[in-house]
Amino acid sequence: MFFFLFISILITGAMLWFASLLTDVKIDFKQTSIAAGASSLTSAVPVFGWPLSFIVLFYLLRYFSKADIWPDIILVVLTSKILTILFGMIMIQIFY
């Protein structure tokens, strides 16, 4: 279980990092992985975890990058979600 959590954090961190390159927001892979990990752990809180995880993700990305929430950080998160969906579709085509 911890292995899959670790892989999920690495993939999410990589997608956030790649999205930051595409959107020209300066943030390191280590920082995106920390933000993804903290967001993932926060989402485990019952009832309020999911909305809190987005708040933690946006706060940490803002803290690490010093970029504006609108439009920079929101664009990074949206781009990373799109990249994650595309990555998942590619992995399904390869391994299924």
C-alpha atoms as a PDB file:
ATOM      1  CA  MET A   1       0.000   0.000   0.000  1.00  0.00           C
ATOM      2  CA  PHE A   2       2.798   2.398   0.871  1.00  0.00           C
ATOM      3  CA  PHE A   3       4.514   1.523  -2.392  1.00  0.00           C
ATOM      4  CA  PHE A   4       1.468   2.629  -4.399  1.00  0.00           C
ATOM      5  CA  LEU A   5       1.158   5.796  -2.325  1.00  0.00           C
ATOM      6  CA  PHE A   6       4.830   6.554  -3.003  1.00  0.00           C
ATOM      7  CA  ILE A   7       4.408   5.928  -6.749  1.00  0.00           C
ATOM      8  CA  SER A   8       1.280   8.109  -6.797  1.00  0.00           C
ATOM      9  CA  ILE A   9       3.135  10.940  -5.064  1.00  0.00           C
ATOM     10  CA  LEU A  10       6.035  10.663  -7.519  1.00  0.00           C
ATOM     11  CA  ILE A  11       3.743  10.666 -10.555  1.00  0.00           C
ATOM     12  CA  THR A  12       1.715  13.594  -9.240  1.00  0.00           C
ATOM     13  CA  GLY A  13       4.912  15.475  -8.368  1.00  0.00           C
ATOM     14  CA  ALA A  14       6.292  14.807 -11.843  1.00  0.00           C
ATOM     15  CA  MET A  15       3.100  16.013 -13.513  1.00  0.00           C
ATOM     16  CA  LEU A  16       3.052  19.159 -11.367  1.00  0.00           C
ATOM     17  CA  TRP A  17       6.704  19.779 -12.211  1.00  0.00           C
ATOM     18  CA  PHE A  18       6.124  19.253 -15.940  1.00  0.00           C
ATOM     19  CA  ALA A  19       3.051  21.508 -15.811  1.00  0.00           C
ATOM     20  CA  SER A  20       5.152  24.184 -14.084  1.00  0.00           C
ATOM     21  CA  LEU A  21       7.633  23.996 -16.963  1.00  0.00           C
ATOM     22  CA  LEU A  22       4.821  24.416 -19.487  1.00  0.00           C
ATOM     23  CA  THR A  23       3.298  27.352 -17.612  1.00  0.00           C
ATOM     24  CA  ASP A  24       6.656  29.011 -16.816  1.00  0.00           C
ATOM     25  CA  VAL A  25       6.269  28.808 -13.013  1.00  0.00           C
ATOM     26  CA  LYS A  26       9.598  28.254 -11.253  1.00  0.00           C
ATOM     27  CA  ILE A  27       9.331  25.253  -8.929  1.00  0.00           C
ATOM     28  CA  ASP A  28      11.545  22.192  -8.383  1.00  0.00           C
ATOM     29  CA  PHE A  29      10.567  18.532  -8.642  1.00  0.00           C
ATOM     30  CA  LYS A  30      11.366  18.032  -4.956  1.00  0.00           C
ATOM     31  CA  GLN A  31       8.986  20.842  -4.010  1.00  0.00           C
ATOM     32  CA  THR A  32       6.181  19.547  -6.227  1.00  0.00           C
ATOM     33  CA  SER A  33       6.618  16.087  -4.721  1.00  0.00           C
ATOM     34  CA  ILE A  34       6.414  17.515  -1.193  1.00  0.00           C
ATOM     35  CA  ALA A  35       3.243  19.404  -2.124  1.00  0.00           C
ATOM     36  CA  ALA A  36       1.749  16.276  -3.724  1.00  0.00           C
ATOM     37  CA  GLY A  37       2.618  14.162  -0.685  1.00  0.00           C
ATOM     38  CA  ALA A  38       1.170  16.624   1.802  1.00  0.00           C
ATOM     39  CA  SER A  39      -1.963  16.956  -0.300  1.00  0.00           C
ATOM     40  CA  SER A  40      -2.297  13.187  -0.527  1.00  0.00           C
ATOM     41  CA  LEU A  41      -1.926  12.739   3.220  1.00  0.00           C
ATOM     42  CA  THR A  42      -4.427  15.513   3.890  1.00  0.00           C
ATOM     43  CA  SER A  43      -6.990  13.835   1.658  1.00  0.00           C
ATOM     44  CA  ALA A  44      -7.076  10.914   4.115  1.00  0.00           C
ATOM     45  CA  VAL A  45      -8.868  13.074   6.700  1.00  0.00           C
ATOM     46  CA  PRO A  46     -12.496  11.914   6.890  1.00  0.00           C
ATOM     47  CA  VAL A  47     -15.250  14.210   5.538  1.00  0.00           C
ATOM     48  CA  PHE A  48     -13.106  17.349   5.008  1.00  0.00           C
ATOM     49  CA  GLY A  49     -10.038  15.701   3.494  1.00  0.00           C
ATOM     50  CA  TRP A  50     -10.740  16.252  -0.172  1.00  0.00           C
ATOM     51  CA  PRO A  51     -11.318  20.038  -0.007  1.00  0.00           C
ATOM     52  CA  LEU A  52      -8.478  20.412   2.508  1.00  0.00           C
ATOM     53  CA  SER A  53      -6.117  18.577   0.177  1.00  0.00           C
ATOM     54  CA  PHE A  54      -6.697  21.204  -2.530  1.00  0.00           C
ATOM     55  CA  ILE A  55      -6.096  24.006  -0.041  1.00  0.00           C
ATOM     56  CA  VAL A  56      -2.847  22.363   1.093  1.00  0.00           C
ATOM     57  CA  LEU A  57      -1.748  21.796  -2.508  1.00  0.00           C
ATOM     58  CA  PHE A  58      -2.421  25.392  -3.549  1.00  0.00           C
ATOM     59  CA  TYR A  59      -0.819  26.790  -0.383  1.00  0.00           C
ATOM     60  CA  LEU A  60       2.380  24.748  -0.730  1.00  0.00           C
ATOM     61  CA  LEU A  61       2.738  25.457  -4.437  1.00  0.00           C
ATOM     62  CA  ARG A  62       2.265  29.155  -3.696  1.00  0.00           C
ATOM     63  CA  TYR A  63       4.762  28.966  -0.821  1.00  0.00           C
ATOM     64  CA  PHE A  64       7.427  27.147  -2.858  1.00  0.00           C
ATOM     65  CA  SER A  65       7.072  29.089  -6.105  1.00  0.00           C
ATOM     66  CA  LYS A  66       6.130  32.581  -4.847  1.00  0.00           C
ATOM     67  CA  ALA A  67       3.773  32.754  -7.845  1.00  0.00           C
ATOM     68  CA  ASP A  68       0.288  34.241  -7.806  1.00  0.00           C
ATOM     69  CA  ILE A  69      -2.651  31.935  -7.141  1.00  0.00           C
ATOM     70  CA  TRP A  70      -4.495  33.373 -10.130  1.00  0.00           C
ATOM     71  CA  PRO A  71      -3.658  32.512 -12.861  1.00  0.00           C
ATOM     72  CA  ASP A  72      -0.282  30.827 -12.242  1.00  0.00           C
ATOM     73  CA  ILE A  73      -0.920  28.188  -9.572  1.00  0.00           C
ATOM     74  CA  ILE A  74      -4.436  27.400 -10.791  1.00  0.00           C
ATOM     75  CA  LEU A  75      -3.074  26.932 -14.305  1.00  0.00           C
ATOM     76  CA  VAL A  76      -0.305  24.646 -13.021  1.00  0.00           C
ATOM     77  CA  VAL A  77      -2.800  22.458 -11.147  1.00  0.00           C
ATOM     78  CA  LEU A  78      -5.261  22.278 -14.052  1.00  0.00           C
ATOM     79  CA  THR A  79      -2.474  21.493 -16.519  1.00  0.00           C
ATOM     80  CA  SER A  80      -1.088  18.792 -14.228  1.00  0.00           C
ATOM     81  CA  LYS A  81      -4.536  17.193 -13.903  1.00  0.00           C
ATOM     82  CA  ILE A  82      -4.884  17.108 -17.692  1.00  0.00           C
ATOM     83  CA  LEU A  83      -1.371  15.637 -18.023  1.00  0.00           C
ATOM     84  CA  THR A  84      -2.179  13.012 -15.379  1.00  0.00           C
ATOM     85  CA  ILE A  85      -5.304  11.946 -17.287  1.00  0.00           C
ATOM     86  CA  LEU A  86      -3.313  11.722 -20.527  1.00  0.00           C
ATOM     87  CA  PHE A  87      -0.563   9.760 -18.762  1.00  0.00           C
ATOM     88  CA  GLY A  88      -3.157   7.355 -17.375  1.00  0.00           C
ATOM     89  CA  MET A  89      -4.683   6.846 -20.803  1.00  0.00           C
ATOM     90  CA  ILE A  90      -1.259   6.101 -22.272  1.00  0.00           C
ATOM     91  CA  MET A  91      -0.472   3.622 -19.481  1.00  0.00           C
ATOM     92  CA  ILE A  92      -3.800   1.864 -20.038  1.00  0.00           C
ATOM     93  CA  GLN A  93      -3.027   1.541 -23.756  1.00  0.00           C
ATOM     94  CA  ILE A  94       0.433   0.153 -23.019  1.00  0.00           C
ATOM     95  CA  PHE A  95      -0.402  -2.285 -20.227  1.00  0.00           C
ATOM     96  CA  TYR A  96      -3.977  -3.317 -20.934  1.00  0.00           C
END
